[in-house]
Amino acid sequence: MSIANLNRPADAFEQLETEDGVRQGVCHIRIQQRTGRKTITTVQGIGTEYDLKRIVQYLKKKHSCNGTIVEHPEYGEVIQLTGDQRDKVKDFLIKVGIVNESNCRVHGF
């Protein structure tokens, strides 16, 4: 085994570990166009240790929108909110401490 292999991380996701050693994935916040001017915001990648129902309930009340949790075969549980709520959701998730700012990606036009 060479010295170059010792410095390389053994796991590709090792760089996403937080200071306390718990792995945190990347949270994706996307906007999807529906019919006409209607849009929905989707949030994917929130850890399973968080209660998504309570998060959706808070976001619905705070931002006066409708929302639900959808089970996706590839991405797991995905939060859907009506309207363009990308910036508001990102600010909330970072403020509460659910995701780090470096692990939160906002997609869309």
N, C-alpha and C. Protein backbone atom coordinates (compact mmCIF):
# COMPACT_ATOMS: atom_id res chain seq x y z
N MET A 1 0.85 -1.17 0.00
CA MET A 1 0.00 0.00 0.00
C MET A 1 0.90 1.23 0.00
N SER A 2 0.61 2.14 -0.90
CA SER A 2 1.44 3.34 -1.01
C SER A 2 0.94 4.44 -0.07
N ILE A 3 1.77 5.44 0.12
CA ILE A 3 1.44 6.55 1.00
C ILE A 3 0.30 7.38 0.40
N ALA A 4 0.21 7.46 -0.92
CA ALA A 4 -0.86 8.24 -1.56
C ALA A 4 -2.24 7.67 -1.22
N ASN A 5 -2.34 6.35 -1.08
CA ASN A 5 -3.62 5.73 -0.75
C ASN A 5 -4.01 5.96 0.71
N LEU A 6 -3.04 6.19 1.59
CA LEU A 6 -3.36 6.42 2.99
C LEU A 6 -4.02 7.78 3.21
N ASN A 7 -3.67 8.78 2.39
CA ASN A 7 -4.23 10.12 2.55
C ASN A 7 -5.60 10.26 1.91
N ARG A 8 -5.96 9.34 1.04
CA ARG A 8 -7.24 9.39 0.35
C ARG A 8 -8.33 8.87 1.28
N PRO A 9 -9.51 9.53 1.33
CA PRO A 9 -10.59 9.04 2.19
C PRO A 9 -11.07 7.66 1.73
N ALA A 10 -11.34 6.80 2.70
CA ALA A 10 -11.79 5.45 2.38
C ALA A 10 -13.21 5.46 1.84
N ASP A 11 -14.01 6.42 2.25
CA ASP A 11 -15.40 6.50 1.84
C ASP A 11 -15.61 7.80 1.09
N ALA A 12 -16.36 7.76 -0.01
CA ALA A 12 -16.59 8.96 -0.81
C ALA A 12 -17.40 9.99 -0.06
N PHE A 13 -18.21 9.58 0.92
CA PHE A 13 -19.05 10.50 1.66
C PHE A 13 -18.42 10.94 2.97
N GLU A 14 -17.17 10.60 3.19
CA GLU A 14 -16.48 10.95 4.43
C GLU A 14 -16.36 12.46 4.59
N GLN A 15 -16.26 13.19 3.48
CA GLN A 15 -16.12 14.64 3.55
C GLN A 15 -17.40 15.32 4.02
N LEU A 16 -18.55 14.63 3.99
CA LEU A 16 -19.81 15.21 4.42
C LEU A 16 -20.08 15.03 5.90
N GLU A 17 -19.15 14.43 6.64
CA GLU A 17 -19.35 14.23 8.06
C GLU A 17 -19.28 15.55 8.80
N THR A 18 -20.13 15.70 9.79
CA THR A 18 -20.12 16.91 10.60
C THR A 18 -19.09 16.74 11.71
N GLU A 19 -18.94 17.77 12.54
CA GLU A 19 -17.91 17.77 13.57
C GLU A 19 -18.14 16.67 14.61
N ASP A 20 -19.39 16.35 14.91
CA ASP A 20 -19.65 15.34 15.93
C ASP A 20 -19.63 13.92 15.37
N GLY A 21 -19.31 13.76 14.11
CA GLY A 21 -19.14 12.44 13.54
C GLY A 21 -20.38 11.85 12.93
N VAL A 22 -21.49 12.55 12.93
CA VAL A 22 -22.72 12.04 12.34
C VAL A 22 -22.73 12.43 10.87
N ARG A 23 -23.04 11.48 10.01
CA ARG A 23 -23.07 11.79 8.59
C ARG A 23 -24.34 12.53 8.24
N GLN A 24 -24.18 13.52 7.39
CA GLN A 24 -25.31 14.31 6.96
C GLN A 24 -25.28 14.39 5.44
N GLY A 25 -26.36 13.95 4.81
CA GLY A 25 -26.44 13.98 3.36
C GLY A 25 -26.78 15.36 2.85
N VAL A 26 -26.91 15.45 1.56
CA VAL A 26 -27.21 16.71 0.92
C VAL A 26 -28.72 16.85 0.78
N CYS A 27 -29.24 18.01 1.14
CA CYS A 27 -30.66 18.31 1.03
C CYS A 27 -30.87 19.09 -0.27
N HIS A 28 -31.80 18.62 -1.11
CA HIS A 28 -32.09 19.26 -2.38
C HIS A 28 -33.46 19.92 -2.31
N ILE A 29 -33.51 21.20 -2.66
CA ILE A 29 -34.76 21.94 -2.71
C ILE A 29 -34.97 22.34 -4.16
N ARG A 30 -36.06 21.85 -4.75
CA ARG A 30 -36.31 22.08 -6.18
C ARG A 30 -37.68 22.72 -6.38
N ILE A 31 -37.84 23.35 -7.54
CA ILE A 31 -39.14 23.86 -7.96
C ILE A 31 -39.53 23.13 -9.23
N GLN A 32 -40.81 22.75 -9.32
CA GLN A 32 -41.31 22.05 -10.49
C GLN A 32 -42.49 22.82 -11.05
N GLN A 33 -42.51 22.97 -12.36
CA GLN A 33 -43.60 23.67 -13.03
C GLN A 33 -44.78 22.73 -13.20
N ARG A 34 -45.95 23.21 -12.82
CA ARG A 34 -47.20 22.46 -13.06
C ARG A 34 -47.89 23.07 -14.26
N THR A 35 -49.18 23.17 -14.24
CA THR A 35 -49.91 23.74 -15.37
C THR A 35 -49.94 25.26 -15.27
N GLY A 36 -49.72 25.92 -16.37
CA GLY A 36 -49.77 27.39 -16.39
C GLY A 36 -48.70 28.01 -15.52
N ARG A 37 -49.14 28.86 -14.57
CA ARG A 37 -48.19 29.53 -13.68
C ARG A 37 -47.99 28.79 -12.38
N LYS A 38 -48.65 27.68 -12.19
CA LYS A 38 -48.60 26.95 -10.92
C LYS A 38 -47.27 26.21 -10.77
N THR A 39 -46.72 26.24 -9.55
CA THR A 39 -45.47 25.54 -9.26
C THR A 39 -45.59 24.82 -7.92
N ILE A 40 -44.72 23.83 -7.72
CA ILE A 40 -44.59 23.19 -6.42
C ILE A 40 -43.11 23.17 -6.05
N THR A 41 -42.85 23.21 -4.77
CA THR A 41 -41.49 23.13 -4.23
C THR A 41 -41.32 21.76 -3.60
N THR A 42 -40.24 21.06 -3.94
CA THR A 42 -39.97 19.75 -3.35
C THR A 42 -38.69 19.81 -2.53
N VAL A 43 -38.71 19.13 -1.39
CA VAL A 43 -37.56 19.08 -0.48
C VAL A 43 -37.21 17.61 -0.29
N GLN A 44 -36.00 17.25 -0.64
CA GLN A 44 -35.56 15.86 -0.59
C GLN A 44 -34.22 15.78 0.12
N GLY A 45 -34.05 14.77 0.96
CA GLY A 45 -32.77 14.54 1.60
C GLY A 45 -32.72 14.89 3.07
N ILE A 46 -33.85 15.14 3.70
CA ILE A 46 -33.86 15.40 5.14
C ILE A 46 -33.73 14.06 5.85
N GLY A 47 -32.93 14.01 6.90
CA GLY A 47 -32.66 12.77 7.61
C GLY A 47 -33.90 12.10 8.18
N THR A 48 -33.83 10.80 8.37
CA THR A 48 -34.97 10.04 8.88
C THR A 48 -35.21 10.26 10.36
N GLU A 49 -34.26 10.87 11.05
CA GLU A 49 -34.44 11.12 12.48
C GLU A 49 -35.37 12.30 12.76
N TYR A 50 -35.74 13.06 11.73
CA TYR A 50 -36.62 14.20 11.90
C TYR A 50 -38.05 13.82 11.53
N ASP A 51 -39.02 14.41 12.22
CA ASP A 51 -40.43 14.16 11.97
C ASP A 51 -40.89 15.07 10.84
N LEU A 52 -41.03 14.50 9.64
CA LEU A 52 -41.39 15.30 8.48
C LEU A 52 -42.80 15.87 8.59
N LYS A 53 -43.69 15.16 9.27
CA LYS A 53 -45.06 15.66 9.42
C LYS A 53 -45.08 16.98 10.18
N ARG A 54 -44.28 17.08 11.22
CA ARG A 54 -44.23 18.32 12.00
C ARG A 54 -43.58 19.45 11.21
N ILE A 55 -42.57 19.12 10.41
CA ILE A 55 -41.92 20.13 9.57
C ILE A 55 -42.91 20.67 8.55
N VAL A 56 -43.66 19.78 7.90
CA VAL A 56 -44.64 20.20 6.90
C VAL A 56 -45.74 21.03 7.57
N GLN A 57 -46.19 20.59 8.72
CA GLN A 57 -47.24 21.31 9.44
C GLN A 57 -46.80 22.74 9.77
N TYR A 58 -45.56 22.89 10.23
CA TYR A 58 -45.05 24.22 10.55
C TYR A 58 -44.93 25.09 9.30
N LEU A 59 -44.37 24.52 8.22
CA LEU A 59 -44.18 25.30 6.99
C LEU A 59 -45.51 25.72 6.38
N LYS A 60 -46.51 24.85 6.44
CA LYS A 60 -47.83 25.19 5.91
C LYS A 60 -48.43 26.37 6.67
N LYS A 61 -48.32 26.34 7.97
CA LYS A 61 -48.91 27.39 8.79
C LYS A 61 -48.13 28.70 8.65
N LYS A 62 -46.82 28.61 8.65
CA LYS A 62 -45.96 29.80 8.62
C LYS A 62 -46.05 30.53 7.27
N HIS A 63 -46.10 29.79 6.17
CA HIS A 63 -46.01 30.40 4.84
C HIS A 63 -47.33 30.36 4.08
N SER A 64 -48.41 29.99 4.74
CA SER A 64 -49.76 29.99 4.14
C SER A 64 -49.79 29.25 2.80
N CYS A 65 -49.35 28.02 2.81
CA CYS A 65 -49.37 27.20 1.61
C CYS A 65 -49.84 25.80 1.99
N ASN A 66 -50.10 24.99 1.00
CA ASN A 66 -50.48 23.61 1.24
C ASN A 66 -49.26 22.73 1.06
N GLY A 67 -49.24 21.57 1.70
CA GLY A 67 -48.09 20.69 1.59
C GLY A 67 -48.42 19.28 1.98
N THR A 68 -47.56 18.36 1.56
CA THR A 68 -47.75 16.95 1.86
C THR A 68 -46.40 16.23 1.79
N ILE A 69 -46.41 14.98 2.23
CA ILE A 69 -45.23 14.12 2.15
C ILE A 69 -45.54 13.01 1.16
N VAL A 70 -44.67 12.83 0.18
CA VAL A 70 -44.87 11.84 -0.87
C VAL A 70 -43.75 10.82 -0.78
N GLU A 71 -44.09 9.55 -0.89
CA GLU A 71 -43.09 8.48 -0.90
C GLU A 71 -42.61 8.26 -2.34
N HIS A 72 -41.34 8.52 -2.58
CA HIS A 72 -40.74 8.35 -3.92
C HIS A 72 -39.90 7.08 -3.89
N PRO A 73 -40.00 6.23 -4.92
CA PRO A 73 -39.25 4.96 -4.89
C PRO A 73 -37.74 5.13 -4.87
N GLU A 74 -37.22 6.19 -5.48
CA GLU A 74 -35.76 6.39 -5.54
C GLU A 74 -35.25 7.31 -4.44
N TYR A 75 -35.98 8.38 -4.13
CA TYR A 75 -35.50 9.41 -3.21
C TYR A 75 -36.04 9.27 -1.80
N GLY A 76 -36.94 8.34 -1.54
CA GLY A 76 -37.51 8.19 -0.21
C GLY A 76 -38.64 9.17 0.00
N GLU A 77 -38.77 9.69 1.22
CA GLU A 77 -39.84 10.63 1.52
C GLU A 77 -39.46 12.03 1.05
N VAL A 78 -40.36 12.64 0.30
CA VAL A 78 -40.14 13.97 -0.28
C VAL A 78 -41.25 14.89 0.19
N ILE A 79 -40.90 16.09 0.64
CA ILE A 79 -41.89 17.09 1.03
C ILE A 79 -42.27 17.89 -0.21
N GLN A 80 -43.58 18.08 -0.41
CA GLN A 80 -44.07 18.92 -1.50
C GLN A 80 -44.87 20.07 -0.92
N LEU A 81 -44.55 21.30 -1.35
CA LEU A 81 -45.26 22.50 -0.93
C LEU A 81 -45.73 23.25 -2.16
N THR A 82 -46.92 23.85 -2.10
CA THR A 82 -47.42 24.61 -3.24
C THR A 82 -46.73 25.96 -3.31
N GLY A 83 -46.46 26.40 -4.52
CA GLY A 83 -45.83 27.71 -4.73
C GLY A 83 -44.32 27.63 -4.68
N ASP A 84 -43.69 28.77 -4.89
CA ASP A 84 -42.23 28.87 -4.87
C ASP A 84 -41.79 29.22 -3.44
N GLN A 85 -41.42 28.21 -2.67
CA GLN A 85 -41.04 28.38 -1.27
C GLN A 85 -39.56 28.06 -1.04
N ARG A 86 -38.75 28.05 -2.09
CA ARG A 86 -37.36 27.58 -1.98
C ARG A 86 -36.54 28.33 -0.94
N ASP A 87 -36.52 29.65 -1.03
CA ASP A 87 -35.69 30.44 -0.11
C ASP A 87 -36.19 30.36 1.32
N LYS A 88 -37.50 30.36 1.49
CA LYS A 88 -38.08 30.28 2.83
C LYS A 88 -37.78 28.95 3.49
N VAL A 89 -37.87 27.87 2.72
CA VAL A 89 -37.60 26.53 3.27
C VAL A 89 -36.13 26.40 3.61
N LYS A 90 -35.26 26.90 2.74
CA LYS A 90 -33.82 26.83 3.01
C LYS A 90 -33.47 27.59 4.27
N ASP A 91 -34.00 28.80 4.42
CA ASP A 91 -33.72 29.60 5.62
C ASP A 91 -34.21 28.88 6.88
N PHE A 92 -35.39 28.27 6.81
CA PHE A 92 -35.93 27.56 7.96
C PHE A 92 -35.06 26.35 8.34
N LEU A 93 -34.69 25.53 7.35
CA LEU A 93 -33.91 24.32 7.63
C LEU A 93 -32.54 24.66 8.22
N ILE A 94 -31.93 25.74 7.76
CA ILE A 94 -30.61 26.15 8.28
C ILE A 94 -30.77 26.76 9.67
N LYS A 95 -31.79 27.60 9.86
CA LYS A 95 -32.00 28.26 11.14
C LYS A 95 -32.27 27.26 12.26
N VAL A 96 -33.07 26.24 11.97
CA VAL A 96 -33.41 25.24 12.98
C VAL A 96 -32.25 24.27 13.21
N GLY A 97 -31.38 24.10 12.22
CA GLY A 97 -30.24 23.21 12.37
C GLY A 97 -30.45 21.83 11.80
N ILE A 98 -31.44 21.67 10.94
CA ILE A 98 -31.70 20.37 10.33
C ILE A 98 -30.62 20.05 9.30
N VAL A 99 -30.18 21.05 8.54
CA VAL A 99 -29.11 20.87 7.55
C VAL A 99 -28.10 22.01 7.70
N ASN A 100 -26.88 21.76 7.26
CA ASN A 100 -25.86 22.81 7.19
C ASN A 100 -26.05 23.58 5.89
N GLU A 101 -25.59 24.81 5.87
CA GLU A 101 -25.72 25.62 4.66
C GLU A 101 -24.91 25.02 3.51
N SER A 102 -23.79 24.40 3.83
CA SER A 102 -22.96 23.80 2.78
C SER A 102 -23.58 22.54 2.20
N ASN A 103 -24.51 21.91 2.93
CA ASN A 103 -25.16 20.68 2.46
C ASN A 103 -26.55 20.91 1.90
N CYS A 104 -26.94 22.15 1.69
CA CYS A 104 -28.26 22.47 1.19
C CYS A 104 -28.13 23.05 -0.22
N ARG A 105 -28.75 22.40 -1.20
CA ARG A 105 -28.67 22.83 -2.60
C ARG A 105 -30.05 23.28 -3.05
N VAL A 106 -30.12 24.48 -3.65
CA VAL A 106 -31.37 25.00 -4.19
C VAL A 106 -31.28 24.94 -5.70
N HIS A 107 -32.25 24.28 -6.34
CA HIS A 107 -32.26 24.11 -7.79
C HIS A 107 -33.45 24.85 -8.38
N GLY A 108 -33.35 25.19 -9.63
CA GLY A 108 -34.48 25.80 -10.34
C GLY A 108 -34.09 27.07 -11.04
N PHE A 109 -35.04 27.64 -11.71
CA PHE A 109 -34.80 28.84 -12.48
C PHE A 109 -34.79 29.98 -11.54
